[in-house]
């Protein structure tokens, strides 16, 4: 498979397109959350729970993934349990900890909402070579690290690095 020629773009143009995508994604997440009877934070946590599949997350692991406090995660898990989307189960390796698992029927409802979008994204990725997809995946991974660092900075009130 060969990648097709792409028009040149600057980092600023790429960031502007990312901002558009993220903005639309935020609105989309609100609409999906409302459709499923959840709030956006709960939906985000549920997505991480679903992604964990056969290796259920601990409550602390979920807090780390979402950048939420453990107290906030406790509230999220209470709401997800009440809504029937997930439940806690004791960690077999440490009975003091809990693992979070998705309810299979609830998981199917969430997947039904997202699958058409993932199918569309799959078609977009099919237009890229494996090397190009690797660059995209690398970029998202690295951008996630930078987002975590930025959020930590925002929360502490520390000034950011000087602009280049």
C-alpha atoms as a PDB file:
ATOM      1  CA  UNK A   1       0.000   0.000   0.000  1.00  0.00           C
ATOM      2  CA  UNK A   2       1.270   3.420  -0.897  1.00  0.00           C
ATOM      3  CA  UNK A   3       0.255   6.594   0.875  1.00  0.00           C
ATOM      4  CA  UNK A   4      -1.289   9.233  -1.290  1.00  0.00           C
ATOM      5  CA  UNK A   5       0.268  12.663  -1.624  1.00  0.00           C
ATOM      6  CA  UNK A   6      -0.805  15.060   1.083  1.00  0.00           C
ATOM      7  CA  UNK A   7      -0.832  18.841   0.914  1.00  0.00           C
ATOM      8  CA  UNK A   8       1.859  20.494   3.015  1.00  0.00           C
ATOM      9  CA  UNK A   9       0.813  21.760   6.443  1.00  0.00           C
ATOM     10  CA  UNK A  10       2.546  23.725   9.149  1.00  0.00           C
ATOM     11  CA  UNK A  11       2.517  22.778  12.822  1.00  0.00           C
ATOM     12  CA  UNK A  12       0.137  25.712  13.375  1.00  0.00           C
ATOM     13  CA  UNK A  13      -2.272  24.376  10.762  1.00  0.00           C
ATOM     14  CA  UNK A  14      -2.110  20.912  12.295  1.00  0.00           C
ATOM     15  CA  UNK A  15      -2.830  22.349  15.751  1.00  0.00           C
ATOM     16  CA  UNK A  16      -5.780  24.335  14.350  1.00  0.00           C
ATOM     17  CA  UNK A  17      -7.206  21.141  12.829  1.00  0.00           C
ATOM     18  CA  UNK A  18      -6.629  19.306  16.100  1.00  0.00           C
ATOM     19  CA  UNK A  19      -8.465  22.079  17.952  1.00  0.00           C
ATOM     20  CA  UNK A  20     -11.415  21.716  15.570  1.00  0.00           C
ATOM     21  CA  UNK A  21     -11.469  17.948  16.067  1.00  0.00           C
ATOM     22  CA  UNK A  22     -11.225  18.210  19.851  1.00  0.00           C
ATOM     23  CA  UNK A  23     -13.956  20.873  19.973  1.00  0.00           C
ATOM     24  CA  UNK A  24     -16.312  18.748  17.924  1.00  0.00           C
ATOM     25  CA  UNK A  25     -15.362  15.711  20.011  1.00  0.00           C
ATOM     26  CA  UNK A  26     -16.276  17.529  23.229  1.00  0.00           C
ATOM     27  CA  UNK A  27     -19.721  18.382  21.886  1.00  0.00           C
ATOM     28  CA  UNK A  28     -20.107  14.839  20.577  1.00  0.00           C
ATOM     29  CA  UNK A  29     -19.154  13.372  23.959  1.00  0.00           C
ATOM     30  CA  UNK A  30     -21.801  15.511  25.641  1.00  0.00           C
ATOM     31  CA  UNK A  31     -24.436  14.301  23.196  1.00  0.00           C
ATOM     32  CA  UNK A  32     -23.433  10.642  23.551  1.00  0.00           C
ATOM     33  CA  UNK A  33     -23.315  10.932  27.340  1.00  0.00           C
ATOM     34  CA  UNK A  34     -26.804  12.440  27.354  1.00  0.00           C
ATOM     35  CA  UNK A  35     -28.058   9.675  25.048  1.00  0.00           C
ATOM     36  CA  UNK A  36     -26.690   7.058  27.475  1.00  0.00           C
ATOM     37  CA  UNK A  37     -27.945   8.852  30.605  1.00  0.00           C
ATOM     38  CA  UNK A  38     -24.455   9.743  31.839  1.00  0.00           C
ATOM     39  CA  UNK A  39     -22.325  12.818  32.262  1.00  0.00           C
ATOM     40  CA  UNK A  40     -19.141  13.302  30.224  1.00  0.00           C
ATOM     41  CA  UNK A  41     -16.783  12.391  33.058  1.00  0.00           C
ATOM     42  CA  UNK A  42     -18.662   9.151  33.729  1.00  0.00           C
ATOM     43  CA  UNK A  43     -18.684   8.336  30.004  1.00  0.00           C
ATOM     44  CA  UNK A  44     -14.931   8.973  29.805  1.00  0.00           C
ATOM     45  CA  UNK A  45     -14.317   6.655  32.746  1.00  0.00           C
ATOM     46  CA  UNK A  46     -16.605   4.032  31.251  1.00  0.00           C
ATOM     47  CA  UNK A  47     -14.586   4.180  28.023  1.00  0.00           C
ATOM     48  CA  UNK A  48     -11.418   3.363  29.986  1.00  0.00           C
ATOM     49  CA  UNK A  49     -13.219   0.532  31.787  1.00  0.00           C
ATOM     50  CA  UNK A  50     -14.374  -0.894  28.446  1.00  0.00           C
ATOM     51  CA  UNK A  51     -10.906  -0.535  26.922  1.00  0.00           C
ATOM     52  CA  UNK A  52      -9.384  -2.548  29.782  1.00  0.00           C
ATOM     53  CA  UNK A  53     -11.295  -5.631  28.537  1.00  0.00           C
ATOM     54  CA  UNK A  54      -9.915  -8.754  30.204  1.00  0.00           C
ATOM     55  CA  UNK A  55      -7.660  -6.832  32.608  1.00  0.00           C
ATOM     56  CA  UNK A  56     -10.086  -4.877  34.784  1.00  0.00           C
ATOM     57  CA  UNK A  57      -8.824  -1.556  36.087  1.00  0.00           C
ATOM     58  CA  UNK A  58      -8.352  -0.768  39.725  1.00  0.00           C
ATOM     59  CA  UNK A  59     -10.067   2.360  40.989  1.00  0.00           C
ATOM     60  CA  UNK A  60      -6.607   3.904  41.415  1.00  0.00           C
ATOM     61  CA  UNK A  61      -5.646   2.948  37.869  1.00  0.00           C
ATOM     62  CA  UNK A  62      -8.792   4.596  36.580  1.00  0.00           C
ATOM     63  CA  UNK A  63      -7.952   7.749  38.557  1.00  0.00           C
ATOM     64  CA  UNK A  64      -4.494   7.804  37.000  1.00  0.00           C
ATOM     65  CA  UNK A  65      -5.786   7.311  33.445  1.00  0.00           C
ATOM     66  CA  UNK A  66      -8.375  10.052  33.764  1.00  0.00           C
ATOM     67  CA  UNK A  67      -6.349  12.505  35.849  1.00  0.00           C
ATOM     68  CA  UNK A  68      -9.118  12.456  38.476  1.00  0.00           C
ATOM     69  CA  UNK A  69      -8.689  12.175  42.227  1.00  0.00           C
ATOM     70  CA  UNK A  70      -9.491   8.826  43.833  1.00  0.00           C
ATOM     71  CA  UNK A  71     -12.391  10.534  45.616  1.00  0.00           C
ATOM     72  CA  UNK A  72     -13.825  11.705  42.293  1.00  0.00           C
ATOM     73  CA  UNK A  73     -13.436   8.193  40.875  1.00  0.00           C
ATOM     74  CA  UNK A  74     -15.387   6.798  43.824  1.00  0.00           C
ATOM     75  CA  UNK A  75     -18.286   9.089  42.887  1.00  0.00           C
ATOM     76  CA  UNK A  76     -18.017   8.081  39.226  1.00  0.00           C
ATOM     77  CA  UNK A  77     -18.069   4.382  40.115  1.00  0.00           C
ATOM     78  CA  UNK A  78     -21.083   4.873  42.372  1.00  0.00           C
ATOM     79  CA  UNK A  79     -22.978   6.533  39.511  1.00  0.00           C
ATOM     80  CA  UNK A  80     -21.906   3.921  36.939  1.00  0.00           C
ATOM     81  CA  UNK A  81     -23.032   1.132  39.267  1.00  0.00           C
ATOM     82  CA  UNK A  82     -26.398   2.802  39.916  1.00  0.00           C
ATOM     83  CA  UNK A  83     -26.903   3.247  36.166  1.00  0.00           C
ATOM     84  CA  UNK A  84     -26.006  -0.412  35.531  1.00  0.00           C
ATOM     85  CA  UNK A  85     -22.925   0.271  33.398  1.00  0.00           C
ATOM     86  CA  UNK A  86     -20.224  -1.184  35.638  1.00  0.00           C
ATOM     87  CA  UNK A  87     -19.622  -2.885  38.939  1.00  0.00           C
ATOM     88  CA  UNK A  88     -16.800  -3.349  41.383  1.00  0.00           C
ATOM     89  CA  UNK A  89     -15.322  -6.693  42.248  1.00  0.00           C
ATOM     90  CA  UNK A  90     -12.576  -7.548  44.717  1.00  0.00           C
ATOM     91  CA  UNK A  91      -9.053  -7.711  43.335  1.00  0.00           C
ATOM     92  CA  UNK A  92      -8.028 -11.374  43.539  1.00  0.00           C
ATOM     93  CA  UNK A  93      -4.444 -10.383  44.352  1.00  0.00           C
ATOM     94  CA  UNK A  94      -5.289  -7.827  47.064  1.00  0.00           C
ATOM     95  CA  UNK A  95      -8.686  -7.975  48.766  1.00  0.00           C
ATOM     96  CA  UNK A  96      -8.281  -4.356  49.945  1.00  0.00           C
ATOM     97  CA  UNK A  97      -8.441  -3.161  46.332  1.00  0.00           C
ATOM     98  CA  UNK A  98     -11.292  -3.334  43.876  1.00  0.00           C
ATOM     99  CA  UNK A  99     -11.362  -3.830  40.142  1.00  0.00           C
ATOM    100  CA  UNK A 100     -13.991  -2.304  37.907  1.00  0.00           C
ATOM    101  CA  UNK A 101     -15.724  -4.279  35.179  1.00  0.00           C
ATOM    102  CA  UNK A 102     -18.297  -3.220  32.631  1.00  0.00           C
ATOM    103  CA  UNK A 103     -21.715  -4.808  32.479  1.00  0.00           C
ATOM    104  CA  UNK A 104     -21.797  -6.771  29.178  1.00  0.00           C
ATOM    105  CA  UNK A 105     -25.241  -5.480  28.132  1.00  0.00           C
ATOM    106  CA  UNK A 106     -24.220  -1.902  28.918  1.00  0.00           C
ATOM    107  CA  UNK A 107     -20.979  -2.373  26.992  1.00  0.00           C
ATOM    108  CA  UNK A 108     -22.987  -3.501  23.974  1.00  0.00           C
ATOM    109  CA  UNK A 109     -25.125  -0.323  24.159  1.00  0.00           C
ATOM    110  CA  UNK A 110     -22.048   1.893  24.267  1.00  0.00           C
ATOM    111  CA  UNK A 111     -20.338   0.011  21.438  1.00  0.00           C
ATOM    112  CA  UNK A 112     -23.483   0.320  19.297  1.00  0.00           C
ATOM    113  CA  UNK A 113     -23.310   4.110  19.663  1.00  0.00           C
ATOM    114  CA  UNK A 114     -19.592   4.395  18.851  1.00  0.00           C
ATOM    115  CA  UNK A 115     -19.106   1.635  16.250  1.00  0.00           C
ATOM    116  CA  UNK A 116     -20.326   3.664  13.239  1.00  0.00           C
ATOM    117  CA  UNK A 117     -17.792   6.383  14.095  1.00  0.00           C
ATOM    118  CA  UNK A 118     -14.995   3.861  14.574  1.00  0.00           C
ATOM    119  CA  UNK A 119     -15.917   2.335  11.217  1.00  0.00           C
ATOM    120  CA  UNK A 120     -15.563   5.792   9.642  1.00  0.00           C
ATOM    121  CA  UNK A 121     -12.181   6.303  11.302  1.00  0.00           C
ATOM    122  CA  UNK A 122     -11.116   2.858  10.106  1.00  0.00           C
ATOM    123  CA  UNK A 123     -11.875   3.950   6.552  1.00  0.00           C
ATOM    124  CA  UNK A 124      -9.770   7.081   7.075  1.00  0.00           C
ATOM    125  CA  UNK A 125      -6.853   5.056   8.462  1.00  0.00           C
ATOM    126  CA  UNK A 126      -7.105   2.668   5.498  1.00  0.00           C
ATOM    127  CA  UNK A 127      -5.970   5.571   3.292  1.00  0.00           C
ATOM    128  CA  UNK A 128      -2.638   5.723   5.134  1.00  0.00           C
ATOM    129  CA  UNK A 129       0.352   3.416   4.950  1.00  0.00           C
ATOM    130  CA  UNK A 130       1.310   1.416   8.037  1.00  0.00           C
ATOM    131  CA  UNK A 131       4.263   3.786   8.520  1.00  0.00           C
ATOM    132  CA  UNK A 132       1.935   6.805   8.399  1.00  0.00           C
ATOM    133  CA  UNK A 133      -0.436   5.189  10.891  1.00  0.00           C
ATOM    134  CA  UNK A 134       2.559   4.544  13.152  1.00  0.00           C
ATOM    135  CA  UNK A 135       3.437   8.259  13.015  1.00  0.00           C
ATOM    136  CA  UNK A 136      -0.153   9.210  13.855  1.00  0.00           C
ATOM    137  CA  UNK A 137      -0.238   6.756  16.762  1.00  0.00           C
ATOM    138  CA  UNK A 138       3.130   8.021  18.008  1.00  0.00           C
ATOM    139  CA  UNK A 139       1.921  11.610  17.815  1.00  0.00           C
ATOM    140  CA  UNK A 140      -1.208  10.862  19.843  1.00  0.00           C
ATOM    141  CA  UNK A 141       0.828   9.015  22.463  1.00  0.00           C
ATOM    142  CA  UNK A 142       3.323  11.843  22.785  1.00  0.00           C
ATOM    143  CA  UNK A 143       0.596  14.509  22.746  1.00  0.00           C
ATOM    144  CA  UNK A 144      -1.138  12.643  25.597  1.00  0.00           C
ATOM    145  CA  UNK A 145       2.043  12.846  27.685  1.00  0.00           C
ATOM    146  CA  UNK A 146       2.237  16.585  27.011  1.00  0.00           C
ATOM    147  CA  UNK A 147      -1.456  17.030  27.885  1.00  0.00           C
ATOM    148  CA  UNK A 148      -0.913  15.306  31.232  1.00  0.00           C
ATOM    149  CA  UNK A 149       2.051  17.571  31.947  1.00  0.00           C
ATOM    150  CA  UNK A 150       0.042  20.640  30.980  1.00  0.00           C
ATOM    151  CA  UNK A 151      -2.911  19.624  33.171  1.00  0.00           C
ATOM    152  CA  UNK A 152      -0.577  19.074  36.118  1.00  0.00           C
ATOM    153  CA  UNK A 153       0.851  22.533  35.533  1.00  0.00           C
ATOM    154  CA  UNK A 154      -2.608  24.114  35.295  1.00  0.00           C
ATOM    155  CA  UNK A 155      -3.700  22.415  38.519  1.00  0.00           C
ATOM    156  CA  UNK A 156      -0.668  23.611  40.452  1.00  0.00           C
ATOM    157  CA  UNK A 157      -0.778  27.112  39.000  1.00  0.00           C
ATOM    158  CA  UNK A 158       2.849  26.902  37.901  1.00  0.00           C
ATOM    159  CA  UNK A 159       3.814  28.990  34.881  1.00  0.00           C
ATOM    160  CA  UNK A 160       4.531  27.089  31.704  1.00  0.00           C
ATOM    161  CA  UNK A 161       7.781  27.011  29.819  1.00  0.00           C
ATOM    162  CA  UNK A 162       8.628  30.155  27.856  1.00  0.00           C
ATOM    163  CA  UNK A 163       7.250  30.320  24.333  1.00  0.00           C
ATOM    164  CA  UNK A 164       9.795  29.448  21.620  1.00  0.00           C
END
